[in-house]
């Protein structure tokens, strides 16, 4: 079994059909030895698959999933060198000691949220705190990050670029010097 912290390859596909998503998942695990990170029904009647493993296996499985559900794909991502902050932050809140500038990116698809987090993290100087995927968010996702003001500004710009290009950016914001009273609500 692959440990989450050692994963360097990520494949994610978001389908508009639950049935097609389940069929694609079956095809993906039949064609290659992959680790399923997440596979589930999400808000708005969509289906999400996130997998990992070695580059060849993930690529082969990813292609099989895309082929199976090609007419029902909302968004997709094959990421052979995912930033190490991304996997642990999917569905989790990472507690950090420093309380600095906050950056938040909201996307209209789950996959674009993961992609935004990876781009922001690769820009450097920030820590991905959380990546929330769809549950209770109407099929959207959001990414929280922290760092210095300059680093967060650069990371948010990098993280929103691809989502904006794909017309899947919801909103983004930067909160310099956040008040300590919001910390318990931010770290949930």
C-alpha atoms as a PDB file:
ATOM      1  CA  UNK A   1       0.000   0.000   0.000  1.00  0.00           C
ATOM      2  CA  UNK A   2       1.278   3.473  -0.902  1.00  0.00           C
ATOM      3  CA  UNK A   3       1.639   5.930   1.967  1.00  0.00           C
ATOM      4  CA  UNK A   4       0.015   9.326   1.307  1.00  0.00           C
ATOM      5  CA  UNK A   5       3.176  11.285   2.117  1.00  0.00           C
ATOM      6  CA  UNK A   6       5.225   9.332  -0.487  1.00  0.00           C
ATOM      7  CA  UNK A   7       2.816   9.860  -3.374  1.00  0.00           C
ATOM      8  CA  UNK A   8       4.271  11.879  -6.208  1.00  0.00           C
ATOM      9  CA  UNK A   9       1.789  11.035  -8.969  1.00  0.00           C
ATOM     10  CA  UNK A  10      -1.871  12.014  -8.876  1.00  0.00           C
ATOM     11  CA  UNK A  11      -4.734  11.438 -11.286  1.00  0.00           C
ATOM     12  CA  UNK A  12      -8.172  12.966 -10.747  1.00  0.00           C
ATOM     13  CA  UNK A  13     -11.322  12.806 -12.853  1.00  0.00           C
ATOM     14  CA  UNK A  14     -14.645  14.474 -12.086  1.00  0.00           C
ATOM     15  CA  UNK A  15     -17.686  13.104 -13.927  1.00  0.00           C
ATOM     16  CA  UNK A  16     -21.166  14.596 -14.381  1.00  0.00           C
ATOM     17  CA  UNK A  17     -22.668  11.084 -14.059  1.00  0.00           C
ATOM     18  CA  UNK A  18     -22.434   8.848 -10.992  1.00  0.00           C
ATOM     19  CA  UNK A  19     -23.024   5.711 -13.072  1.00  0.00           C
ATOM     20  CA  UNK A  20     -20.279   6.582 -15.556  1.00  0.00           C
ATOM     21  CA  UNK A  21     -17.945   7.458 -12.666  1.00  0.00           C
ATOM     22  CA  UNK A  22     -18.419   4.024 -11.101  1.00  0.00           C
ATOM     23  CA  UNK A  23     -17.914   2.317 -14.459  1.00  0.00           C
ATOM     24  CA  UNK A  24     -14.723   4.340 -15.058  1.00  0.00           C
ATOM     25  CA  UNK A  25     -13.425   3.474 -11.578  1.00  0.00           C
ATOM     26  CA  UNK A  26     -13.880  -0.228 -12.304  1.00  0.00           C
ATOM     27  CA  UNK A  27     -12.028   0.097 -15.610  1.00  0.00           C
ATOM     28  CA  UNK A  28      -9.210   2.042 -13.984  1.00  0.00           C
ATOM     29  CA  UNK A  29      -8.472  -0.545 -11.308  1.00  0.00           C
ATOM     30  CA  UNK A  30      -8.735  -3.376 -13.834  1.00  0.00           C
ATOM     31  CA  UNK A  31      -6.055  -1.960 -16.149  1.00  0.00           C
ATOM     32  CA  UNK A  32      -3.342  -0.911 -13.687  1.00  0.00           C
ATOM     33  CA  UNK A  33      -2.209  -1.305 -10.054  1.00  0.00           C
ATOM     34  CA  UNK A  34      -3.236   2.050  -8.579  1.00  0.00           C
ATOM     35  CA  UNK A  35      -4.053   3.349  -5.107  1.00  0.00           C
ATOM     36  CA  UNK A  36      -7.529   4.886  -4.788  1.00  0.00           C
ATOM     37  CA  UNK A  37      -7.189   8.078  -2.715  1.00  0.00           C
ATOM     38  CA  UNK A  38     -10.868   8.986  -3.027  1.00  0.00           C
ATOM     39  CA  UNK A  39     -13.792   7.762  -5.112  1.00  0.00           C
ATOM     40  CA  UNK A  40     -17.288   8.945  -4.276  1.00  0.00           C
ATOM     41  CA  UNK A  41     -20.484  10.705  -5.202  1.00  0.00           C
ATOM     42  CA  UNK A  42     -20.190  14.448  -4.668  1.00  0.00           C
ATOM     43  CA  UNK A  43     -22.565  17.405  -4.616  1.00  0.00           C
ATOM     44  CA  UNK A  44     -24.619  18.171  -7.686  1.00  0.00           C
ATOM     45  CA  UNK A  45     -24.848  14.487  -8.681  1.00  0.00           C
ATOM     46  CA  UNK A  46     -21.229  14.193  -9.808  1.00  0.00           C
ATOM     47  CA  UNK A  47     -18.669  11.448  -9.212  1.00  0.00           C
ATOM     48  CA  UNK A  48     -15.046  11.987  -8.213  1.00  0.00           C
ATOM     49  CA  UNK A  49     -12.058   9.667  -8.623  1.00  0.00           C
ATOM     50  CA  UNK A  50      -8.589  10.499  -7.237  1.00  0.00           C
ATOM     51  CA  UNK A  51      -5.841   7.897  -7.672  1.00  0.00           C
ATOM     52  CA  UNK A  52      -2.099   7.576  -7.225  1.00  0.00           C
ATOM     53  CA  UNK A  53       0.731   5.158  -7.863  1.00  0.00           C
ATOM     54  CA  UNK A  54       3.701   4.974 -10.178  1.00  0.00           C
ATOM     55  CA  UNK A  55       3.681   7.214 -13.252  1.00  0.00           C
ATOM     56  CA  UNK A  56       2.949   4.494 -15.823  1.00  0.00           C
ATOM     57  CA  UNK A  57       0.152   2.878 -13.793  1.00  0.00           C
ATOM     58  CA  UNK A  58      -1.599   6.145 -12.988  1.00  0.00           C
ATOM     59  CA  UNK A  59      -1.284   7.335 -16.580  1.00  0.00           C
ATOM     60  CA  UNK A  60      -2.654   4.069 -17.957  1.00  0.00           C
ATOM     61  CA  UNK A  61      -5.551   4.002 -15.459  1.00  0.00           C
ATOM     62  CA  UNK A  62      -6.238   7.727 -15.959  1.00  0.00           C
ATOM     63  CA  UNK A  63      -6.463   7.233 -19.736  1.00  0.00           C
ATOM     64  CA  UNK A  64      -8.807   4.262 -19.269  1.00  0.00           C
ATOM     65  CA  UNK A  65     -11.050   6.330 -16.976  1.00  0.00           C
ATOM     66  CA  UNK A  66     -11.091   9.230 -19.416  1.00  0.00           C
ATOM     67  CA  UNK A  67     -11.888   6.929 -22.333  1.00  0.00           C
ATOM     68  CA  UNK A  68     -14.716   5.222 -20.419  1.00  0.00           C
ATOM     69  CA  UNK A  69     -16.407   8.468 -19.417  1.00  0.00           C
ATOM     70  CA  UNK A  70     -15.177  10.872 -22.076  1.00  0.00           C
ATOM     71  CA  UNK A  71     -18.555  12.488 -22.754  1.00  0.00           C
ATOM     72  CA  UNK A  72     -19.240  12.983 -19.027  1.00  0.00           C
ATOM     73  CA  UNK A  73     -15.973  14.538 -17.817  1.00  0.00           C
ATOM     74  CA  UNK A  74     -16.410  17.832 -15.943  1.00  0.00           C
ATOM     75  CA  UNK A  75     -12.692  18.254 -15.264  1.00  0.00           C
ATOM     76  CA  UNK A  76      -9.577  16.068 -15.158  1.00  0.00           C
ATOM     77  CA  UNK A  77      -5.970  16.244 -14.029  1.00  0.00           C
ATOM     78  CA  UNK A  78      -2.898  14.046 -14.505  1.00  0.00           C
ATOM     79  CA  UNK A  79      -0.131  15.343 -12.265  1.00  0.00           C
ATOM     80  CA  UNK A  80       3.100  13.326 -12.376  1.00  0.00           C
ATOM     81  CA  UNK A  81       4.933  15.525  -9.859  1.00  0.00           C
ATOM     82  CA  UNK A  82       2.358  16.656  -7.327  1.00  0.00           C
ATOM     83  CA  UNK A  83       3.665  18.986  -4.594  1.00  0.00           C
ATOM     84  CA  UNK A  84       4.028  17.138  -1.250  1.00  0.00           C
ATOM     85  CA  UNK A  85       1.640  19.590   0.511  1.00  0.00           C
ATOM     86  CA  UNK A  86      -1.295  18.622  -1.721  1.00  0.00           C
ATOM     87  CA  UNK A  87      -2.154  15.015  -0.803  1.00  0.00           C
ATOM     88  CA  UNK A  88      -2.161  15.501   2.999  1.00  0.00           C
ATOM     89  CA  UNK A  89      -4.374  18.607   2.654  1.00  0.00           C
ATOM     90  CA  UNK A  90      -7.104  16.886   0.599  1.00  0.00           C
ATOM     91  CA  UNK A  91     -10.082  16.767   2.955  1.00  0.00           C
ATOM     92  CA  UNK A  92      -7.925  17.666   5.974  1.00  0.00           C
ATOM     93  CA  UNK A  93      -6.891  20.793   7.843  1.00  0.00           C
ATOM     94  CA  UNK A  94      -3.153  21.015   8.462  1.00  0.00           C
ATOM     95  CA  UNK A  95      -2.417  22.862  11.692  1.00  0.00           C
ATOM     96  CA  UNK A  96       0.509  25.243  11.511  1.00  0.00           C
ATOM     97  CA  UNK A  97       2.110  27.282  14.243  1.00  0.00           C
ATOM     98  CA  UNK A  98       2.522  30.577  12.418  1.00  0.00           C
ATOM     99  CA  UNK A  99      -0.517  32.783  11.864  1.00  0.00           C
ATOM    100  CA  UNK A 100       0.328  34.947   8.875  1.00  0.00           C
ATOM    101  CA  UNK A 101      -1.348  36.062   5.637  1.00  0.00           C
ATOM    102  CA  UNK A 102      -4.227  33.860   4.449  1.00  0.00           C
ATOM    103  CA  UNK A 103      -4.927  33.066   0.798  1.00  0.00           C
ATOM    104  CA  UNK A 104      -8.112  31.314  -0.316  1.00  0.00           C
ATOM    105  CA  UNK A 105      -9.007  30.087  -3.807  1.00  0.00           C
ATOM    106  CA  UNK A 106     -12.536  28.866  -4.597  1.00  0.00           C
ATOM    107  CA  UNK A 107     -13.024  26.851  -7.784  1.00  0.00           C
ATOM    108  CA  UNK A 108     -16.103  25.595  -9.604  1.00  0.00           C
ATOM    109  CA  UNK A 109     -14.797  22.034  -9.874  1.00  0.00           C
ATOM    110  CA  UNK A 110     -12.968  19.749  -7.509  1.00  0.00           C
ATOM    111  CA  UNK A 111     -10.188  18.909  -9.914  1.00  0.00           C
ATOM    112  CA  UNK A 112      -9.439  22.584 -10.545  1.00  0.00           C
ATOM    113  CA  UNK A 113      -9.159  23.077  -6.774  1.00  0.00           C
ATOM    114  CA  UNK A 114      -6.502  20.366  -6.547  1.00  0.00           C
ATOM    115  CA  UNK A 115      -4.713  21.837  -9.561  1.00  0.00           C
ATOM    116  CA  UNK A 116      -4.840  25.331  -8.017  1.00  0.00           C
ATOM    117  CA  UNK A 117      -3.380  24.039  -4.749  1.00  0.00           C
ATOM    118  CA  UNK A 118      -0.531  22.309  -6.584  1.00  0.00           C
ATOM    119  CA  UNK A 119       0.312  25.417  -8.629  1.00  0.00           C
ATOM    120  CA  UNK A 120       0.187  27.655  -5.540  1.00  0.00           C
ATOM    121  CA  UNK A 121       2.412  25.307  -3.536  1.00  0.00           C
ATOM    122  CA  UNK A 122       4.923  25.011  -6.375  1.00  0.00           C
ATOM    123  CA  UNK A 123       5.192  28.807  -6.532  1.00  0.00           C
ATOM    124  CA  UNK A 124       6.761  28.497  -3.086  1.00  0.00           C
ATOM    125  CA  UNK A 125       6.842  30.315   0.220  1.00  0.00           C
ATOM    126  CA  UNK A 126       3.413  29.164   1.395  1.00  0.00           C
ATOM    127  CA  UNK A 127       1.917  26.182   3.156  1.00  0.00           C
ATOM    128  CA  UNK A 128      -1.281  24.541   1.873  1.00  0.00           C
ATOM    129  CA  UNK A 129      -3.506  24.295   4.927  1.00  0.00           C
ATOM    130  CA  UNK A 130      -6.593  22.639   3.472  1.00  0.00           C
ATOM    131  CA  UNK A 131      -8.230  21.468   0.249  1.00  0.00           C
ATOM    132  CA  UNK A 132     -11.984  20.957   0.647  1.00  0.00           C
ATOM    133  CA  UNK A 133     -13.795  19.002  -2.033  1.00  0.00           C
ATOM    134  CA  UNK A 134     -17.488  19.531  -2.832  1.00  0.00           C
ATOM    135  CA  UNK A 135     -19.258  18.170   0.264  1.00  0.00           C
ATOM    136  CA  UNK A 136     -21.655  20.901   1.279  1.00  0.00           C
ATOM    137  CA  UNK A 137     -20.206  23.289  -1.301  1.00  0.00           C
ATOM    138  CA  UNK A 138     -22.458  22.674  -4.303  1.00  0.00           C
ATOM    139  CA  UNK A 139     -19.755  20.878  -6.289  1.00  0.00           C
ATOM    140  CA  UNK A 140     -17.137  23.566  -5.654  1.00  0.00           C
ATOM    141  CA  UNK A 141     -13.839  23.245  -3.846  1.00  0.00           C
ATOM    142  CA  UNK A 142     -11.592  25.633  -2.012  1.00  0.00           C
ATOM    143  CA  UNK A 143      -7.947  25.835  -1.053  1.00  0.00           C
ATOM    144  CA  UNK A 144      -6.550  27.597   2.015  1.00  0.00           C
ATOM    145  CA  UNK A 145      -2.906  28.615   2.285  1.00  0.00           C
ATOM    146  CA  UNK A 146      -0.689  30.664   4.570  1.00  0.00           C
ATOM    147  CA  UNK A 147       2.607  32.477   4.287  1.00  0.00           C
ATOM    148  CA  UNK A 148       4.060  35.957   4.013  1.00  0.00           C
ATOM    149  CA  UNK A 149       2.011  38.566   2.152  1.00  0.00           C
ATOM    150  CA  UNK A 150       4.287  38.535  -0.910  1.00  0.00           C
ATOM    151  CA  UNK A 151       4.398  34.729  -1.049  1.00  0.00           C
ATOM    152  CA  UNK A 152       0.615  34.387  -0.681  1.00  0.00           C
ATOM    153  CA  UNK A 153      -0.012  37.009  -3.381  1.00  0.00           C
ATOM    154  CA  UNK A 154       2.292  35.132  -5.793  1.00  0.00           C
ATOM    155  CA  UNK A 155       0.833  31.736  -4.857  1.00  0.00           C
ATOM    156  CA  UNK A 156      -2.785  32.886  -5.277  1.00  0.00           C
ATOM    157  CA  UNK A 157      -1.910  34.358  -8.669  1.00  0.00           C
ATOM    158  CA  UNK A 158      -0.258  31.082  -9.731  1.00  0.00           C
ATOM    159  CA  UNK A 159      -3.078  28.984  -8.263  1.00  0.00           C
ATOM    160  CA  UNK A 160      -5.858  30.882  -9.995  1.00  0.00           C
ATOM    161  CA  UNK A 161      -4.225  31.014 -13.437  1.00  0.00           C
ATOM    162  CA  UNK A 162      -5.232  27.528 -14.647  1.00  0.00           C
ATOM    163  CA  UNK A 163      -8.727  27.686 -13.113  1.00  0.00           C
ATOM    164  CA  UNK A 164      -9.235  31.070 -14.767  1.00  0.00           C
ATOM    165  CA  UNK A 165      -7.954  29.662 -18.084  1.00  0.00           C
ATOM    166  CA  UNK A 166     -10.472  26.793 -17.834  1.00  0.00           C
ATOM    167  CA  UNK A 167     -13.220  29.229 -16.725  1.00  0.00           C
ATOM    168  CA  UNK A 168     -13.513  27.338 -13.416  1.00  0.00           C
ATOM    169  CA  UNK A 169     -12.396  30.033 -10.987  1.00  0.00           C
ATOM    170  CA  UNK A 170     -15.039  31.021  -8.453  1.00  0.00           C
ATOM    171  CA  UNK A 171     -13.370  33.623  -6.256  1.00  0.00           C
ATOM    172  CA  UNK A 172     -10.092  34.263  -4.503  1.00  0.00           C
ATOM    173  CA  UNK A 173      -9.040  36.466  -1.637  1.00  0.00           C
ATOM    174  CA  UNK A 174      -6.030  37.425   0.432  1.00  0.00           C
ATOM    175  CA  UNK A 175      -6.346  38.371   4.101  1.00  0.00           C
ATOM    176  CA  UNK A 176      -3.205  40.085   5.417  1.00  0.00           C
ATOM    177  CA  UNK A 177      -2.720  40.088   9.194  1.00  0.00           C
ATOM    178  CA  UNK A 178      -5.884  38.108   9.993  1.00  0.00           C
ATOM    179  CA  UNK A 179      -7.383  38.702  13.436  1.00  0.00           C
ATOM    180  CA  UNK A 180      -6.764  35.910  15.966  1.00  0.00           C
ATOM    181  CA  UNK A 181     -10.532  35.630  16.580  1.00  0.00           C
ATOM    182  CA  UNK A 182     -11.020  33.975  13.179  1.00  0.00           C
ATOM    183  CA  UNK A 183      -8.278  31.357  13.696  1.00  0.00           C
ATOM    184  CA  UNK A 184     -10.581  28.690  15.215  1.00  0.00           C
ATOM    185  CA  UNK A 185     -12.952  29.098  12.245  1.00  0.00           C
ATOM    186  CA  UNK A 186     -10.188  29.120   9.662  1.00  0.00           C
ATOM    187  CA  UNK A 187      -8.554  25.972  11.049  1.00  0.00           C
ATOM    188  CA  UNK A 188     -11.777  23.875  10.922  1.00  0.00           C
END
